[in-house]
């Protein structure tokens, strides 16, 4: 039989084994801690993703409606304005008559100069130059208050204020459309956007009343459909 290892050697081996086990335990604890940190990071990332999705949706709601209306109007009133300015008095009269069919303002065909001034403000709005658009529409309304494009200019002035988050001014502009041009084809849109503006101002009872009026006063229109959709998303407690 071999000789037994000295007691000191056994103690040294045990000590090494204890250190190895302690190291393994520490590594395991570190791994658990790292995994916990990773889980927390994943949770924060998910929260950020949800927040980003909510913000993106809000921006789509805000700008998507404006883009839709700008695209629809771009081939009509603004196109006529540019054609009138470039084509002279004869073309301007024909284009102005077409623009007048969308208007509840003056009955005469807008002059090429009126159309050019209006077109410049509208182009600024389409380009996202909202402060320039606001100034342009205000100047147009001051210079040509009886123009057949006045109701359009008043409505788009409200839109320019709305996307600039100047909600008090936007509400005033949309109310002016409804008060001054009640028979304008822009009236349903103006009432709809007044409701949107009141929502942004957290005036929930007023917003609900306005949007409900859109559905009743202009049934079957795109504005009524959009108003009904927005009404469904107003929290019940918010309308108290």
C-alpha atoms as a PDB file:
ATOM      1  CA  UNK A   1       0.000   0.000   0.000  1.00  0.00           C
ATOM      2  CA  UNK A   2       1.172   3.498  -0.814  1.00  0.00           C
ATOM      3  CA  UNK A   3       1.837   6.096   1.695  1.00  0.00           C
ATOM      4  CA  UNK A   4      -1.023   8.441   2.639  1.00  0.00           C
ATOM      5  CA  UNK A   5      -0.541  12.038   1.433  1.00  0.00           C
ATOM      6  CA  UNK A   6       0.445  14.419   4.154  1.00  0.00           C
ATOM      7  CA  UNK A   7      -2.449  16.234   5.851  1.00  0.00           C
ATOM      8  CA  UNK A   8      -1.207  19.549   4.522  1.00  0.00           C
ATOM      9  CA  UNK A   9      -1.468  18.257   0.933  1.00  0.00           C
ATOM     10  CA  UNK A  10      -5.076  17.155   1.526  1.00  0.00           C
ATOM     11  CA  UNK A  11      -5.979  20.523   2.968  1.00  0.00           C
ATOM     12  CA  UNK A  12      -4.378  22.259  -0.012  1.00  0.00           C
ATOM     13  CA  UNK A  13      -6.376  20.106  -2.439  1.00  0.00           C
ATOM     14  CA  UNK A  14      -9.609  20.778  -0.574  1.00  0.00           C
ATOM     15  CA  UNK A  15      -8.856  24.482  -0.602  1.00  0.00           C
ATOM     16  CA  UNK A  16      -8.273  24.399  -4.375  1.00  0.00           C
ATOM     17  CA  UNK A  17     -11.528  22.509  -4.909  1.00  0.00           C
ATOM     18  CA  UNK A  18     -13.380  25.039  -2.778  1.00  0.00           C
ATOM     19  CA  UNK A  19     -11.919  27.875  -4.827  1.00  0.00           C
ATOM     20  CA  UNK A  20     -12.951  26.132  -8.040  1.00  0.00           C
ATOM     21  CA  UNK A  21     -16.494  25.607  -6.759  1.00  0.00           C
ATOM     22  CA  UNK A  22     -16.632  29.203  -5.498  1.00  0.00           C
ATOM     23  CA  UNK A  23     -15.500  30.451  -8.911  1.00  0.00           C
ATOM     24  CA  UNK A  24     -18.141  28.344 -10.631  1.00  0.00           C
ATOM     25  CA  UNK A  25     -20.816  29.681  -8.302  1.00  0.00           C
ATOM     26  CA  UNK A  26     -19.651  33.252  -8.969  1.00  0.00           C
ATOM     27  CA  UNK A  27     -19.690  32.660 -12.720  1.00  0.00           C
ATOM     28  CA  UNK A  28     -23.202  31.239 -12.447  1.00  0.00           C
ATOM     29  CA  UNK A  29     -24.316  34.253 -10.431  1.00  0.00           C
ATOM     30  CA  UNK A  30     -22.754  36.584 -12.989  1.00  0.00           C
ATOM     31  CA  UNK A  31     -24.546  34.777 -15.798  1.00  0.00           C
ATOM     32  CA  UNK A  32     -27.862  35.015 -13.952  1.00  0.00           C
ATOM     33  CA  UNK A  33     -27.254  38.713 -13.361  1.00  0.00           C
ATOM     34  CA  UNK A  34     -26.386  39.268 -17.020  1.00  0.00           C
ATOM     35  CA  UNK A  35     -29.482  37.395 -18.111  1.00  0.00           C
ATOM     36  CA  UNK A  36     -31.582  39.520 -15.765  1.00  0.00           C
ATOM     37  CA  UNK A  37     -30.045  42.671 -17.216  1.00  0.00           C
ATOM     38  CA  UNK A  38     -30.744  41.403 -20.714  1.00  0.00           C
ATOM     39  CA  UNK A  39     -34.372  40.750 -19.821  1.00  0.00           C
ATOM     40  CA  UNK A  40     -34.673  44.285 -18.459  1.00  0.00           C
ATOM     41  CA  UNK A  41     -33.094  45.688 -21.623  1.00  0.00           C
ATOM     42  CA  UNK A  42     -35.461  43.663 -23.805  1.00  0.00           C
ATOM     43  CA  UNK A  43     -38.379  45.018 -21.803  1.00  0.00           C
ATOM     44  CA  UNK A  44     -37.182  48.594 -22.208  1.00  0.00           C
ATOM     45  CA  UNK A  45     -36.675  48.030 -25.943  1.00  0.00           C
ATOM     46  CA  UNK A  46     -40.211  46.705 -26.269  1.00  0.00           C
ATOM     47  CA  UNK A  47     -41.573  49.725 -24.388  1.00  0.00           C
ATOM     48  CA  UNK A  48     -39.639  52.049 -26.695  1.00  0.00           C
ATOM     49  CA  UNK A  49     -40.944  50.168 -29.731  1.00  0.00           C
ATOM     50  CA  UNK A  50     -44.520  50.498 -28.496  1.00  0.00           C
ATOM     51  CA  UNK A  51     -44.005  54.204 -27.812  1.00  0.00           C
ATOM     52  CA  UNK A  52     -42.495  54.684 -31.258  1.00  0.00           C
ATOM     53  CA  UNK A  53     -45.391  52.856 -32.895  1.00  0.00           C
ATOM     54  CA  UNK A  54     -47.882  55.025 -31.015  1.00  0.00           C
ATOM     55  CA  UNK A  55     -46.024  58.182 -32.047  1.00  0.00           C
ATOM     56  CA  UNK A  56     -45.824  57.025 -35.659  1.00  0.00           C
ATOM     57  CA  UNK A  57     -49.561  56.306 -35.703  1.00  0.00           C
ATOM     58  CA  UNK A  58     -50.286  59.712 -34.224  1.00  0.00           C
ATOM     59  CA  UNK A  59     -48.154  61.361 -36.901  1.00  0.00           C
ATOM     60  CA  UNK A  60     -49.892  59.355 -39.619  1.00  0.00           C
ATOM     61  CA  UNK A  61     -53.266  60.478 -38.252  1.00  0.00           C
ATOM     62  CA  UNK A  62     -52.091  64.058 -38.137  1.00  0.00           C
ATOM     63  CA  UNK A  63     -50.408  64.342 -41.508  1.00  0.00           C
ATOM     64  CA  UNK A  64     -52.150  61.562 -43.438  1.00  0.00           C
ATOM     65  CA  UNK A  65     -55.453  63.392 -43.516  1.00  0.00           C
ATOM     66  CA  UNK A  66     -53.770  66.587 -44.645  1.00  0.00           C
ATOM     67  CA  UNK A  67     -51.818  64.763 -47.362  1.00  0.00           C
ATOM     68  CA  UNK A  68     -55.028  63.147 -48.617  1.00  0.00           C
ATOM     69  CA  UNK A  69     -56.775  66.480 -48.840  1.00  0.00           C
ATOM     70  CA  UNK A  70     -53.785  68.196 -50.407  1.00  0.00           C
ATOM     71  CA  UNK A  71     -53.510  65.475 -53.043  1.00  0.00           C
ATOM     72  CA  UNK A  72     -57.201  65.690 -53.840  1.00  0.00           C
ATOM     73  CA  UNK A  73     -57.134  69.462 -54.081  1.00  0.00           C
ATOM     74  CA  UNK A  74     -53.789  69.622 -55.865  1.00  0.00           C
ATOM     75  CA  UNK A  75     -55.280  68.454 -59.160  1.00  0.00           C
ATOM     76  CA  UNK A  76     -58.191  70.865 -58.889  1.00  0.00           C
ATOM     77  CA  UNK A  77     -58.004  74.318 -57.375  1.00  0.00           C
ATOM     78  CA  UNK A  78     -54.232  74.696 -57.298  1.00  0.00           C
ATOM     79  CA  UNK A  79     -53.814  73.169 -60.726  1.00  0.00           C
ATOM     80  CA  UNK A  80     -56.368  75.611 -62.048  1.00  0.00           C
ATOM     81  CA  UNK A  81     -54.602  78.483 -60.324  1.00  0.00           C
ATOM     82  CA  UNK A  82     -51.256  77.645 -61.888  1.00  0.00           C
ATOM     83  CA  UNK A  83     -52.819  77.107 -65.294  1.00  0.00           C
ATOM     84  CA  UNK A  84     -54.635  80.418 -65.028  1.00  0.00           C
ATOM     85  CA  UNK A  85     -51.501  82.320 -64.067  1.00  0.00           C
ATOM     86  CA  UNK A  86     -49.517  80.798 -66.919  1.00  0.00           C
ATOM     87  CA  UNK A  87     -52.192  80.721 -69.589  1.00  0.00           C
ATOM     88  CA  UNK A  88     -53.466  84.274 -69.459  1.00  0.00           C
ATOM     89  CA  UNK A  89     -56.879  85.773 -68.955  1.00  0.00           C
ATOM     90  CA  UNK A  90     -58.851  83.289 -71.087  1.00  0.00           C
ATOM     91  CA  UNK A  91     -57.420  80.201 -69.451  1.00  0.00           C
ATOM     92  CA  UNK A  92     -57.648  81.946 -66.069  1.00  0.00           C
ATOM     93  CA  UNK A  93     -61.364  82.558 -66.471  1.00  0.00           C
ATOM     94  CA  UNK A  94     -62.040  78.905 -67.318  1.00  0.00           C
ATOM     95  CA  UNK A  95     -59.895  77.683 -64.438  1.00  0.00           C
ATOM     96  CA  UNK A  96     -61.499  80.168 -62.070  1.00  0.00           C
ATOM     97  CA  UNK A  97     -64.939  78.917 -63.003  1.00  0.00           C
ATOM     98  CA  UNK A  98     -63.830  75.382 -62.156  1.00  0.00           C
ATOM     99  CA  UNK A  99     -62.462  76.569 -58.822  1.00  0.00           C
ATOM    100  CA  UNK A 100     -65.711  78.419 -58.147  1.00  0.00           C
ATOM    101  CA  UNK A 101     -67.671  75.182 -58.243  1.00  0.00           C
ATOM    102  CA  UNK A 102     -65.931  74.149 -55.028  1.00  0.00           C
ATOM    103  CA  UNK A 103     -66.496  77.464 -53.391  1.00  0.00           C
ATOM    104  CA  UNK A 104     -69.268  79.127 -51.463  1.00  0.00           C
ATOM    105  CA  UNK A 105     -67.623  82.553 -51.581  1.00  0.00           C
ATOM    106  CA  UNK A 106     -67.762  85.128 -54.361  1.00  0.00           C
ATOM    107  CA  UNK A 107     -69.507  84.133 -57.581  1.00  0.00           C
ATOM    108  CA  UNK A 108     -67.083  85.708 -60.050  1.00  0.00           C
ATOM    109  CA  UNK A 109     -64.175  83.860 -61.603  1.00  0.00           C
ATOM    110  CA  UNK A 110     -60.893  84.685 -59.826  1.00  0.00           C
ATOM    111  CA  UNK A 111     -58.367  86.667 -61.813  1.00  0.00           C
ATOM    112  CA  UNK A 112     -55.016  85.168 -62.815  1.00  0.00           C
ATOM    113  CA  UNK A 113     -53.381  87.312 -60.127  1.00  0.00           C
ATOM    114  CA  UNK A 114     -55.724  85.998 -57.427  1.00  0.00           C
ATOM    115  CA  UNK A 115     -55.075  82.446 -58.534  1.00  0.00           C
ATOM    116  CA  UNK A 116     -51.317  82.983 -58.568  1.00  0.00           C
ATOM    117  CA  UNK A 117     -51.308  84.419 -55.026  1.00  0.00           C
ATOM    118  CA  UNK A 118     -53.528  81.609 -53.782  1.00  0.00           C
ATOM    119  CA  UNK A 119     -51.380  79.025 -55.562  1.00  0.00           C
ATOM    120  CA  UNK A 120     -48.202  80.299 -53.924  1.00  0.00           C
ATOM    121  CA  UNK A 121     -49.691  79.910 -50.448  1.00  0.00           C
ATOM    122  CA  UNK A 122     -51.052  76.471 -51.285  1.00  0.00           C
ATOM    123  CA  UNK A 123     -47.712  75.324 -52.697  1.00  0.00           C
ATOM    124  CA  UNK A 124     -46.007  76.460 -49.478  1.00  0.00           C
ATOM    125  CA  UNK A 125     -48.477  74.359 -47.499  1.00  0.00           C
ATOM    126  CA  UNK A 126     -47.805  71.289 -49.639  1.00  0.00           C
ATOM    127  CA  UNK A 127     -44.071  71.810 -49.211  1.00  0.00           C
ATOM    128  CA  UNK A 128     -44.390  71.907 -45.423  1.00  0.00           C
ATOM    129  CA  UNK A 129     -43.523  75.606 -45.177  1.00  0.00           C
ATOM    130  CA  UNK A 130     -46.408  76.234 -42.819  1.00  0.00           C
ATOM    131  CA  UNK A 131     -45.462  79.701 -41.563  1.00  0.00           C
ATOM    132  CA  UNK A 132     -45.140  80.906 -45.170  1.00  0.00           C
ATOM    133  CA  UNK A 133     -48.469  79.304 -46.017  1.00  0.00           C
ATOM    134  CA  UNK A 134     -50.151  80.992 -43.050  1.00  0.00           C
ATOM    135  CA  UNK A 135     -48.819  84.383 -44.088  1.00  0.00           C
ATOM    136  CA  UNK A 136     -49.800  83.746 -47.718  1.00  0.00           C
ATOM    137  CA  UNK A 137     -53.389  82.733 -46.967  1.00  0.00           C
ATOM    138  CA  UNK A 138     -53.853  85.610 -44.525  1.00  0.00           C
ATOM    139  CA  UNK A 139     -52.563  88.086 -47.105  1.00  0.00           C
ATOM    140  CA  UNK A 140     -54.823  86.554 -49.751  1.00  0.00           C
ATOM    141  CA  UNK A 141     -57.904  86.872 -47.532  1.00  0.00           C
ATOM    142  CA  UNK A 142     -57.026  90.455 -46.673  1.00  0.00           C
ATOM    143  CA  UNK A 143     -56.425  91.441 -50.295  1.00  0.00           C
ATOM    144  CA  UNK A 144     -59.236  89.421 -51.894  1.00  0.00           C
ATOM    145  CA  UNK A 145     -61.937  89.024 -49.214  1.00  0.00           C
ATOM    146  CA  UNK A 146     -64.680  88.498 -51.823  1.00  0.00           C
ATOM    147  CA  UNK A 147     -62.776  86.082 -54.016  1.00  0.00           C
ATOM    148  CA  UNK A 148     -64.432  82.814 -55.000  1.00  0.00           C
ATOM    149  CA  UNK A 149     -61.317  81.192 -53.526  1.00  0.00           C
ATOM    150  CA  UNK A 150     -61.744  82.903 -50.152  1.00  0.00           C
ATOM    151  CA  UNK A 151     -63.486  79.974 -48.472  1.00  0.00           C
ATOM    152  CA  UNK A 152     -60.767  77.597 -49.676  1.00  0.00           C
ATOM    153  CA  UNK A 153     -58.085  79.974 -48.438  1.00  0.00           C
ATOM    154  CA  UNK A 154     -59.800  80.248 -45.054  1.00  0.00           C
ATOM    155  CA  UNK A 155     -59.999  76.463 -44.735  1.00  0.00           C
ATOM    156  CA  UNK A 156     -56.365  75.864 -45.690  1.00  0.00           C
ATOM    157  CA  UNK A 157     -55.329  78.602 -43.294  1.00  0.00           C
ATOM    158  CA  UNK A 158     -56.934  76.486 -40.577  1.00  0.00           C
ATOM    159  CA  UNK A 159     -55.076  73.391 -41.802  1.00  0.00           C
ATOM    160  CA  UNK A 160     -51.770  75.275 -41.747  1.00  0.00           C
ATOM    161  CA  UNK A 161     -52.413  76.357 -38.154  1.00  0.00           C
ATOM    162  CA  UNK A 162     -53.466  72.808 -37.223  1.00  0.00           C
ATOM    163  CA  UNK A 163     -50.310  71.083 -38.429  1.00  0.00           C
ATOM    164  CA  UNK A 164     -48.295  73.840 -36.733  1.00  0.00           C
ATOM    165  CA  UNK A 165     -50.021  72.912 -33.429  1.00  0.00           C
ATOM    166  CA  UNK A 166     -51.497  76.415 -33.175  1.00  0.00           C
ATOM    167  CA  UNK A 167     -54.831  74.958 -32.142  1.00  0.00           C
ATOM    168  CA  UNK A 168     -56.562  78.122 -30.943  1.00  0.00           C
ATOM    169  CA  UNK A 169     -55.897  79.812 -34.277  1.00  0.00           C
ATOM    170  CA  UNK A 170     -56.876  76.660 -36.158  1.00  0.00           C
ATOM    171  CA  UNK A 171     -60.214  76.457 -34.338  1.00  0.00           C
ATOM    172  CA  UNK A 172     -60.871  80.122 -35.126  1.00  0.00           C
ATOM    173  CA  UNK A 173     -60.097  79.614 -38.820  1.00  0.00           C
ATOM    174  CA  UNK A 174     -62.372  76.564 -39.120  1.00  0.00           C
ATOM    175  CA  UNK A 175     -65.196  78.350 -37.291  1.00  0.00           C
ATOM    176  CA  UNK A 176     -64.871  81.245 -39.731  1.00  0.00           C
ATOM    177  CA  UNK A 177     -65.413  78.840 -42.641  1.00  0.00           C
ATOM    178  CA  UNK A 178     -68.608  77.549 -41.008  1.00  0.00           C
ATOM    179  CA  UNK A 179     -69.879  81.007 -40.107  1.00  0.00           C
ATOM    180  CA  UNK A 180     -68.901  82.943 -43.215  1.00  0.00           C
ATOM    181  CA  UNK A 181     -69.190  80.236 -45.871  1.00  0.00           C
ATOM    182  CA  UNK A 182     -71.838  77.777 -44.585  1.00  0.00           C
ATOM    183  CA  UNK A 183     -72.650  76.557 -48.112  1.00  0.00           C
ATOM    184  CA  UNK A 184     -69.037  75.987 -49.111  1.00  0.00           C
ATOM    185  CA  UNK A 185     -67.912  72.507 -50.058  1.00  0.00           C
ATOM    186  CA  UNK A 186     -65.215  73.056 -47.458  1.00  0.00           C
ATOM    187  CA  UNK A 187     -67.803  73.325 -44.676  1.00  0.00           C
ATOM    188  CA  UNK A 188     -67.946  69.555 -43.883  1.00  0.00           C
ATOM    189  CA  UNK A 189     -64.142  69.377 -43.764  1.00  0.00           C
ATOM    190  CA  UNK A 190     -63.968  72.511 -41.640  1.00  0.00           C
ATOM    191  CA  UNK A 191     -66.421  71.090 -39.096  1.00  0.00           C
ATOM    192  CA  UNK A 192     -64.514  67.790 -39.032  1.00  0.00           C
ATOM    193  CA  UNK A 193     -61.183  69.492 -38.437  1.00  0.00           C
ATOM    194  CA  UNK A 194     -62.741  71.723 -35.793  1.00  0.00           C
ATOM    195  CA  UNK A 195     -63.634  68.513 -33.958  1.00  0.00           C
ATOM    196  CA  UNK A 196     -60.077  67.225 -34.388  1.00  0.00           C
ATOM    197  CA  UNK A 197     -58.745  70.517 -33.066  1.00  0.00           C
ATOM    198  CA  UNK A 198     -60.977  70.347 -30.007  1.00  0.00           C
ATOM    199  CA  UNK A 199     -59.641  66.853 -29.325  1.00  0.00           C
ATOM    200  CA  UNK A 200     -56.086  68.189 -29.443  1.00  0.00           C
ATOM    201  CA  UNK A 201     -57.179  70.878 -26.979  1.00  0.00           C
ATOM    202  CA  UNK A 202     -58.645  68.113 -24.758  1.00  0.00           C
ATOM    203  CA  UNK A 203     -62.083  69.693 -25.063  1.00  0.00           C
ATOM    204  CA  UNK A 204     -63.659  66.259 -25.259  1.00  0.00           C
ATOM    205  CA  UNK A 205     -67.370  67.089 -24.773  1.00  0.00           C
ATOM    206  CA  UNK A 206     -67.130  69.866 -27.378  1.00  0.00           C
ATOM    207  CA  UNK A 207     -65.211  67.595 -29.760  1.00  0.00           C
ATOM    208  CA  UNK A 208     -67.775  64.814 -29.413  1.00  0.00           C
ATOM    209  CA  UNK A 209     -70.620  67.280 -30.068  1.00  0.00           C
ATOM    210  CA  UNK A 210     -68.861  68.704 -33.132  1.00  0.00           C
ATOM    211  CA  UNK A 211     -68.003  65.335 -34.652  1.00  0.00           C
ATOM    212  CA  UNK A 212     -71.510  64.045 -33.957  1.00  0.00           C
ATOM    213  CA  UNK A 213     -72.905  67.085 -35.787  1.00  0.00           C
ATOM    214  CA  UNK A 214     -70.717  66.251 -38.808  1.00  0.00           C
ATOM    215  CA  UNK A 215     -72.273  62.785 -39.047  1.00  0.00           C
ATOM    216  CA  UNK A 216     -75.797  64.197 -38.818  1.00  0.00           C
ATOM    217  CA  UNK A 217     -75.388  67.289 -40.988  1.00  0.00           C
ATOM    218  CA  UNK A 218     -73.282  65.713 -43.744  1.00  0.00           C
ATOM    219  CA  UNK A 219     -74.311  62.029 -43.850  1.00  0.00           C
ATOM    220  CA  UNK A 220     -72.614  59.843 -46.444  1.00  0.00           C
ATOM    221  CA  UNK A 221     -69.655  62.172 -46.922  1.00  0.00           C
ATOM    222  CA  UNK A 222     -66.021  61.300 -46.309  1.00  0.00           C
ATOM    223  CA  UNK A 223     -66.042  63.844 -43.492  1.00  0.00           C
ATOM    224  CA  UNK A 224     -68.942  62.064 -41.805  1.00  0.00           C
ATOM    225  CA  UNK A 225     -67.169  58.705 -42.081  1.00  0.00           C
ATOM    226  CA  UNK A 226     -63.973  60.128 -40.587  1.00  0.00           C
ATOM    227  CA  UNK A 227     -65.963  61.806 -37.807  1.00  0.00           C
ATOM    228  CA  UNK A 228     -67.717  58.543 -36.942  1.00  0.00           C
ATOM    229  CA  UNK A 229     -64.374  56.730 -36.853  1.00  0.00           C
ATOM    230  CA  UNK A 230     -62.835  59.323 -34.552  1.00  0.00           C
ATOM    231  CA  UNK A 231     -65.892  59.265 -32.279  1.00  0.00           C
ATOM    232  CA  UNK A 232     -65.355  55.564 -31.692  1.00  0.00           C
ATOM    233  CA  UNK A 233     -61.879  56.271 -30.337  1.00  0.00           C
ATOM    234  CA  UNK A 234     -62.857  58.942 -27.803  1.00  0.00           C
ATOM    235  CA  UNK A 235     -62.778  57.316 -24.344  1.00  0.00           C
ATOM    236  CA  UNK A 236     -66.227  57.221 -22.787  1.00  0.00           C
ATOM    237  CA  UNK A 237     -65.023  58.941 -19.610  1.00  0.00           C
ATOM    238  CA  UNK A 238     -63.440  61.712 -21.685  1.00  0.00           C
ATOM    239  CA  UNK A 239     -66.818  62.877 -22.923  1.00  0.00           C
ATOM    240  CA  UNK A 240     -68.257  63.492 -19.456  1.00  0.00           C
END
